[in-house]
Amino acid sequence: MTVPVRVRRLPHGADLPLPSYQSDEAAGLDLLAAVEAPVKIIAGARALVPTGIAIALPPHTEAQVRP
């Protein structure tokens, strides 16, 4: 099943590729971080990491970001 998702590139992610599958057997799309330097997150901590995109999901759908 294909679910249409509207995507808007934000200025800080204008040069990044859009999320995409990296192999034929991938379960989800790979999302890049829109950062200029590596972000170090210690175990148990949280951090906001910009993606450079905004998405509009249809009703009754969800998006998940996983490590």
PDB file of N, CA and C in Angstrom:
ATOM      1  N   MET A   1       0.850  -1.184   0.000  1.00  0.00           N
ATOM      2  CA  MET A   1       0.000   0.000   0.000  1.00  0.00           C
ATOM      3  C   MET A   1       0.890   1.239   0.000  1.00  0.00           C
ATOM      4  N   THR A   2       0.562   2.185  -0.811  1.00  0.00           N
ATOM      5  CA  THR A   2       1.290   3.444  -0.880  1.00  0.00           C
ATOM      6  C   THR A   2       0.473   4.523  -0.186  1.00  0.00           C
ATOM      7  N   VAL A   3       1.145   5.266   0.712  1.00  0.00           N
ATOM      8  CA  VAL A   3       0.495   6.356   1.435  1.00  0.00           C
ATOM      9  C   VAL A   3       1.124   7.662   0.973  1.00  0.00           C
ATOM     10  N   PRO A   4       0.347   8.575   0.409  1.00  0.00           N
ATOM     11  CA  PRO A   4       0.918   9.854  -0.013  1.00  0.00           C
ATOM     12  C   PRO A   4       1.276  10.720   1.196  1.00  0.00           C
ATOM     13  N   VAL A   5       2.487  11.245   1.204  1.00  0.00           N
ATOM     14  CA  VAL A   5       2.955  12.109   2.290  1.00  0.00           C
ATOM     15  C   VAL A   5       3.493  13.388   1.661  1.00  0.00           C
ATOM     16  N   ARG A   6       2.951  14.512   2.085  1.00  0.00           N
ATOM     17  CA  ARG A   6       3.448  15.803   1.589  1.00  0.00           C
ATOM     18  C   ARG A   6       4.702  16.167   2.364  1.00  0.00           C
ATOM     19  N   VAL A   7       5.734  16.593   1.642  1.00  0.00           N
ATOM     20  CA  VAL A   7       7.025  16.929   2.252  1.00  0.00           C
ATOM     21  C   VAL A   7       7.414  18.340   1.834  1.00  0.00           C
ATOM     22  N   ARG A   8       7.863  19.112   2.803  1.00  0.00           N
ATOM     23  CA  ARG A   8       8.372  20.463   2.515  1.00  0.00           C
ATOM     24  C   ARG A   8       9.832  20.517   2.969  1.00  0.00           C
ATOM     25  N   ARG A   9      10.699  20.904   2.051  1.00  0.00           N
ATOM     26  CA  ARG A   9      12.111  21.107   2.432  1.00  0.00           C
ATOM     27  C   ARG A   9      12.216  22.438   3.169  1.00  0.00           C
ATOM     28  N   LEU A  10      12.909  22.425   4.278  1.00  0.00           N
ATOM     29  CA  LEU A  10      13.132  23.637   5.050  1.00  0.00           C
ATOM     30  C   LEU A  10      14.485  24.228   4.671  1.00  0.00           C
ATOM     31  N   PRO A  11      14.681  25.528   4.884  1.00  0.00           N
ATOM     32  CA  PRO A  11      15.927  26.165   4.436  1.00  0.00           C
ATOM     33  C   PRO A  11      17.203  25.477   4.941  1.00  0.00           C
ATOM     34  N   HIS A  12      17.208  25.011   6.180  1.00  0.00           N
ATOM     35  CA  HIS A  12      18.433  24.409   6.723  1.00  0.00           C
ATOM     36  C   HIS A  12      18.683  22.994   6.191  1.00  0.00           C
ATOM     37  N   GLY A  13      17.754  22.447   5.419  1.00  0.00           N
ATOM     38  CA  GLY A  13      17.948  21.130   4.829  1.00  0.00           C
ATOM     39  C   GLY A  13      17.807  21.135   3.320  1.00  0.00           C
ATOM     40  N   ALA A  14      17.932  22.294   2.719  1.00  0.00           N
ATOM     41  CA  ALA A  14      17.680  22.437   1.278  1.00  0.00           C
ATOM     42  C   ALA A  14      18.591  21.558   0.422  1.00  0.00           C
ATOM     43  N   ASP A  15      19.803  21.282   0.878  1.00  0.00           N
ATOM     44  CA  ASP A  15      20.752  20.501   0.080  1.00  0.00           C
ATOM     45  C   ASP A  15      20.744  19.012   0.410  1.00  0.00           C
ATOM     46  N   LEU A  16      19.950  18.597   1.394  1.00  0.00           N
ATOM     47  CA  LEU A  16      19.915  17.189   1.786  1.00  0.00           C
ATOM     48  C   LEU A  16      18.973  16.395   0.882  1.00  0.00           C
ATOM     49  N   PRO A  17      19.297  15.131   0.642  1.00  0.00           N
ATOM     50  CA  PRO A  17      18.339  14.298  -0.098  1.00  0.00           C
ATOM     51  C   PRO A  17      17.120  14.016   0.757  1.00  0.00           C
ATOM     52  N   LEU A  18      15.995  13.768   0.111  1.00  0.00           N
ATOM     53  CA  LEU A  18      14.787  13.404   0.838  1.00  0.00           C
ATOM     54  C   LEU A  18      14.947  11.996   1.410  1.00  0.00           C
ATOM     55  N   PRO A  19      14.184  11.647   2.454  1.00  0.00           N
ATOM     56  CA  PRO A  19      14.253  10.297   2.993  1.00  0.00           C
ATOM     57  C   PRO A  19      14.010   9.270   1.881  1.00  0.00           C
ATOM     58  N   SER A  20      14.764   8.166   1.927  1.00  0.00           N
ATOM     59  CA  SER A  20      14.622   7.145   0.893  1.00  0.00           C
ATOM     60  C   SER A  20      15.026   5.779   1.428  1.00  0.00           C
ATOM     61  N   TYR A  21      14.538   4.737   0.770  1.00  0.00           N
ATOM     62  CA  TYR A  21      14.929   3.367   1.104  1.00  0.00           C
ATOM     63  C   TYR A  21      16.362   3.162   0.614  1.00  0.00           C
ATOM     64  N   GLN A  22      17.188   2.522   1.420  1.00  0.00           N
ATOM     65  CA  GLN A  22      18.586   2.305   1.043  1.00  0.00           C
ATOM     66  C   GLN A  22      18.853   0.895   0.536  1.00  0.00           C
ATOM     67  N   SER A  23      17.853   0.025   0.597  1.00  0.00           N
ATOM     68  CA  SER A  23      17.986  -1.316   0.022  1.00  0.00           C
ATOM     69  C   SER A  23      16.593  -1.836  -0.319  1.00  0.00           C
ATOM     70  N   ASP A  24      16.546  -2.875  -1.140  1.00  0.00           N
ATOM     71  CA  ASP A  24      15.267  -3.456  -1.544  1.00  0.00           C
ATOM     72  C   ASP A  24      14.508  -4.074  -0.372  1.00  0.00           C
ATOM     73  N   GLU A  25      15.214  -4.500   0.657  1.00  0.00           N
ATOM     74  CA  GLU A  25      14.587  -5.169   1.793  1.00  0.00           C
ATOM     75  C   GLU A  25      14.413  -4.260   3.006  1.00  0.00           C
ATOM     76  N   ALA A  26      14.641  -2.976   2.855  1.00  0.00           N
ATOM     77  CA  ALA A  26      14.531  -2.037   3.961  1.00  0.00           C
ATOM     78  C   ALA A  26      13.096  -1.944   4.464  1.00  0.00           C
ATOM     79  N   ALA A  27      12.941  -1.859   5.784  1.00  0.00           N
ATOM     80  CA  ALA A  27      11.612  -1.741   6.380  1.00  0.00           C
ATOM     81  C   ALA A  27      11.145  -0.290   6.435  1.00  0.00           C
ATOM     82  N   GLY A  28      12.063   0.653   6.340  1.00  0.00           N
ATOM     83  CA  GLY A  28      11.711   2.063   6.416  1.00  0.00           C
ATOM     84  C   GLY A  28      12.699   2.909   5.641  1.00  0.00           C
ATOM     85  N   LEU A  29      12.390   4.175   5.565  1.00  0.00           N
ATOM     86  CA  LEU A  29      13.244   5.109   4.843  1.00  0.00           C
ATOM     87  C   LEU A  29      14.314   5.659   5.769  1.00  0.00           C
ATOM     88  N   ASP A  30      15.487   5.969   5.220  1.00  0.00           N
ATOM     89  CA  ASP A  30      16.547   6.586   6.002  1.00  0.00           C
ATOM     90  C   ASP A  30      16.378   8.097   5.968  1.00  0.00           C
ATOM     91  N   LEU A  31      16.462   8.700   7.144  1.00  0.00           N
ATOM     92  CA  LEU A  31      16.287  10.134   7.328  1.00  0.00           C
ATOM     93  C   LEU A  31      17.614  10.726   7.763  1.00  0.00           C
ATOM     94  N   LEU A  32      18.060  11.780   7.110  1.00  0.00           N
ATOM     95  CA  LEU A  32      19.330  12.411   7.458  1.00  0.00           C
ATOM     96  C   LEU A  32      19.125  13.560   8.434  1.00  0.00           C
ATOM     97  N   ALA A  33      20.152  13.839   9.214  1.00  0.00           N
ATOM     98  CA  ALA A  33      20.125  14.970  10.143  1.00  0.00           C
ATOM     99  C   ALA A  33      20.636  16.211   9.425  1.00  0.00           C
ATOM    100  N   ALA A  34      19.970  17.316   9.624  1.00  0.00           N
ATOM    101  CA  ALA A  34      20.382  18.588   9.019  1.00  0.00           C
ATOM    102  C   ALA A  34      21.258  19.339  10.018  1.00  0.00           C
ATOM    103  N   VAL A  35      22.474  18.827  10.200  1.00  0.00           N
ATOM    104  CA  VAL A  35      23.422  19.410  11.155  1.00  0.00           C
ATOM    105  C   VAL A  35      24.744  19.665  10.454  1.00  0.00           C
ATOM    106  N   GLU A  36      25.511  20.605  10.989  1.00  0.00           N
ATOM    107  CA  GLU A  36      26.812  20.918  10.400  1.00  0.00           C
ATOM    108  C   GLU A  36      27.943  20.136  11.041  1.00  0.00           C
ATOM    109  N   ALA A  37      27.715  19.608  12.244  1.00  0.00           N
ATOM    110  CA  ALA A  37      28.733  18.848  12.967  1.00  0.00           C
ATOM    111  C   ALA A  37      28.059  17.658  13.641  1.00  0.00           C
ATOM    112  N   PRO A  38      28.811  16.602  13.944  1.00  0.00           N
ATOM    113  CA  PRO A  38      28.215  15.446  14.619  1.00  0.00           C
ATOM    114  C   PRO A  38      27.544  15.835  15.931  1.00  0.00           C
ATOM    115  N   VAL A  39      26.441  15.150  16.245  1.00  0.00           N
ATOM    116  CA  VAL A  39      25.721  15.366  17.499  1.00  0.00           C
ATOM    117  C   VAL A  39      25.983  14.149  18.376  1.00  0.00           C
ATOM    118  N   LYS A  40      26.514  14.375  19.562  1.00  0.00           N
ATOM    119  CA  LYS A  40      26.803  13.283  20.484  1.00  0.00           C
ATOM    120  C   LYS A  40      25.706  13.247  21.549  1.00  0.00           C
ATOM    121  N   ILE A  41      25.058  12.095  21.677  1.00  0.00           N
ATOM    122  CA  ILE A  41      23.987  11.925  22.654  1.00  0.00           C
ATOM    123  C   ILE A  41      24.416  10.814  23.602  1.00  0.00           C
ATOM    124  N   ILE A  42      24.562  11.139  24.863  1.00  0.00           N
ATOM    125  CA  ILE A  42      24.993  10.123  25.825  1.00  0.00           C
ATOM    126  C   ILE A  42      23.826   9.197  26.161  1.00  0.00           C
ATOM    127  N   ALA A  43      24.143   8.007  26.611  1.00  0.00           N
ATOM    128  CA  ALA A  43      23.127   7.006  26.928  1.00  0.00           C
ATOM    129  C   ALA A  43      22.090   7.574  27.893  1.00  0.00           C
ATOM    130  N   GLY A  44      20.820   7.378  27.567  1.00  0.00           N
ATOM    131  CA  GLY A  44      19.722   7.831  28.404  1.00  0.00           C
ATOM    132  C   GLY A  44      19.325   9.286  28.196  1.00  0.00           C
ATOM    133  N   ALA A  45      20.085  10.004  27.387  1.00  0.00           N
ATOM    134  CA  ALA A  45      19.793  11.426  27.153  1.00  0.00           C
ATOM    135  C   ALA A  45      18.880  11.579  25.937  1.00  0.00           C
ATOM    136  N   ARG A  46      18.373  12.775  25.774  1.00  0.00           N
ATOM    137  CA  ARG A  46      17.540  13.127  24.625  1.00  0.00           C
ATOM    138  C   ARG A  46      18.133  14.342  23.941  1.00  0.00           C
ATOM    139  N   ALA A  47      17.841  14.474  22.658  1.00  0.00           N
ATOM    140  CA  ALA A  47      18.311  15.638  21.916  1.00  0.00           C
ATOM    141  C   ALA A  47      17.351  15.914  20.777  1.00  0.00           C
ATOM    142  N   LEU A  48      17.196  17.159  20.449  1.00  0.00           N
ATOM    143  CA  LEU A  48      16.437  17.553  19.261  1.00  0.00           C
ATOM    144  C   LEU A  48      17.415  17.617  18.100  1.00  0.00           C
ATOM    145  N   VAL A  49      17.123  16.877  17.043  1.00  0.00           N
ATOM    146  CA  VAL A  49      17.998  16.844  15.877  1.00  0.00           C
ATOM    147  C   VAL A  49      17.179  17.274  14.665  1.00  0.00           C
ATOM    148  N   PRO A  50      17.521  18.392  14.047  1.00  0.00           N
ATOM    149  CA  PRO A  50      16.737  18.871  12.912  1.00  0.00           C
ATOM    150  C   PRO A  50      16.886  17.951  11.706  1.00  0.00           C
ATOM    151  N   THR A  51      15.804  17.805  10.949  1.00  0.00           N
ATOM    152  CA  THR A  51      15.811  16.936   9.769  1.00  0.00           C
ATOM    153  C   THR A  51      15.847  17.719   8.463  1.00  0.00           C
ATOM    154  N   GLY A  52      15.509  18.982   8.508  1.00  0.00           N
ATOM    155  CA  GLY A  52      15.483  19.773   7.283  1.00  0.00           C
ATOM    156  C   GLY A  52      14.217  19.605   6.465  1.00  0.00           C
ATOM    157  N   ILE A  53      13.242  18.853   6.999  1.00  0.00           N
ATOM    158  CA  ILE A  53      11.967  18.677   6.292  1.00  0.00           C
ATOM    159  C   ILE A  53      10.810  18.823   7.268  1.00  0.00           C
ATOM    160  N   ALA A  54       9.650  19.081   6.711  1.00  0.00           N
ATOM    161  CA  ALA A  54       8.386  19.045   7.454  1.00  0.00           C
ATOM    162  C   ALA A  54       7.472  18.133   6.654  1.00  0.00           C
ATOM    163  N   ILE A  55       6.706  17.289   7.348  1.00  0.00           N
ATOM    164  CA  ILE A  55       5.824  16.356   6.641  1.00  0.00           C
ATOM    165  C   ILE A  55       4.384  16.549   7.086  1.00  0.00           C
ATOM    166  N   ALA A  56       3.467  16.244   6.179  1.00  0.00           N
ATOM    167  CA  ALA A  56       2.033  16.277   6.472  1.00  0.00           C
ATOM    168  C   ALA A  56       1.503  14.872   6.225  1.00  0.00           C
ATOM    169  N   LEU A  57       1.175  14.177   7.290  1.00  0.00           N
ATOM    170  CA  LEU A  57       0.682  12.804   7.173  1.00  0.00           C
ATOM    171  C   LEU A  57      -0.827  12.785   7.031  1.00  0.00           C
ATOM    172  N   PRO A  58      -1.333  11.845   6.250  1.00  0.00           N
ATOM    173  CA  PRO A  58      -2.786  11.694   6.144  1.00  0.00           C
ATOM    174  C   PRO A  58      -3.351  11.198   7.482  1.00  0.00           C
ATOM    175  N   PRO A  59      -4.642  11.379   7.724  1.00  0.00           N
ATOM    176  CA  PRO A  59      -5.255  10.864   8.939  1.00  0.00           C
ATOM    177  C   PRO A  59      -5.027   9.362   9.089  1.00  0.00           C
ATOM    178  N   HIS A  60      -4.920   8.919  10.317  1.00  0.00           N
ATOM    179  CA  HIS A  60      -4.770   7.499  10.662  1.00  0.00           C
ATOM    180  C   HIS A  60      -3.430   6.907  10.228  1.00  0.00           C
ATOM    181  N   THR A  61      -2.413   7.749  10.087  1.00  0.00           N
ATOM    182  CA  THR A  61      -1.071   7.275   9.804  1.00  0.00           C
ATOM    183  C   THR A  61      -0.124   7.854  10.825  1.00  0.00           C
ATOM    184  N   GLU A  62       1.077   7.318  10.885  1.00  0.00           N
ATOM    185  CA  GLU A  62       2.077   7.832  11.808  1.00  0.00           C
ATOM    186  C   GLU A  62       3.462   7.730  11.173  1.00  0.00           C
ATOM    187  N   ALA A  63       4.385   8.501  11.691  1.00  0.00           N
ATOM    188  CA  ALA A  63       5.791   8.413  11.301  1.00  0.00           C
ATOM    189  C   ALA A  63       6.574   8.151  12.574  1.00  0.00           C
ATOM    190  N   GLN A  64       7.602   7.347  12.478  1.00  0.00           N
ATOM    191  CA  GLN A  64       8.452   7.045  13.621  1.00  0.00           C
ATOM    192  C   GLN A  64       9.896   7.318  13.258  1.00  0.00           C
ATOM    193  N   VAL A  65      10.648   7.835  14.216  1.00  0.00           N
ATOM    194  CA  VAL A  65      12.092   8.024  14.037  1.00  0.00           C
ATOM    195  C   VAL A  65      12.754   7.095  15.041  1.00  0.00           C
ATOM    196  N   ARG A  66      13.606   6.213  14.529  1.00  0.00           N
ATOM    197  CA  ARG A  66      14.284   5.221  15.375  1.00  0.00           C
ATOM    198  C   ARG A  66      15.790   5.294  15.145  1.00  0.00           C
ATOM    199  N   PRO A  67      16.549   4.908  16.174  1.00  0.00           N
ATOM    200  CA  PRO A  67      18.007   4.903  16.003  1.00  0.00           C
ATOM    201  C   PRO A  67      18.456   3.809  15.034  1.00  0.00           C
TER     202      PRO A  67
END
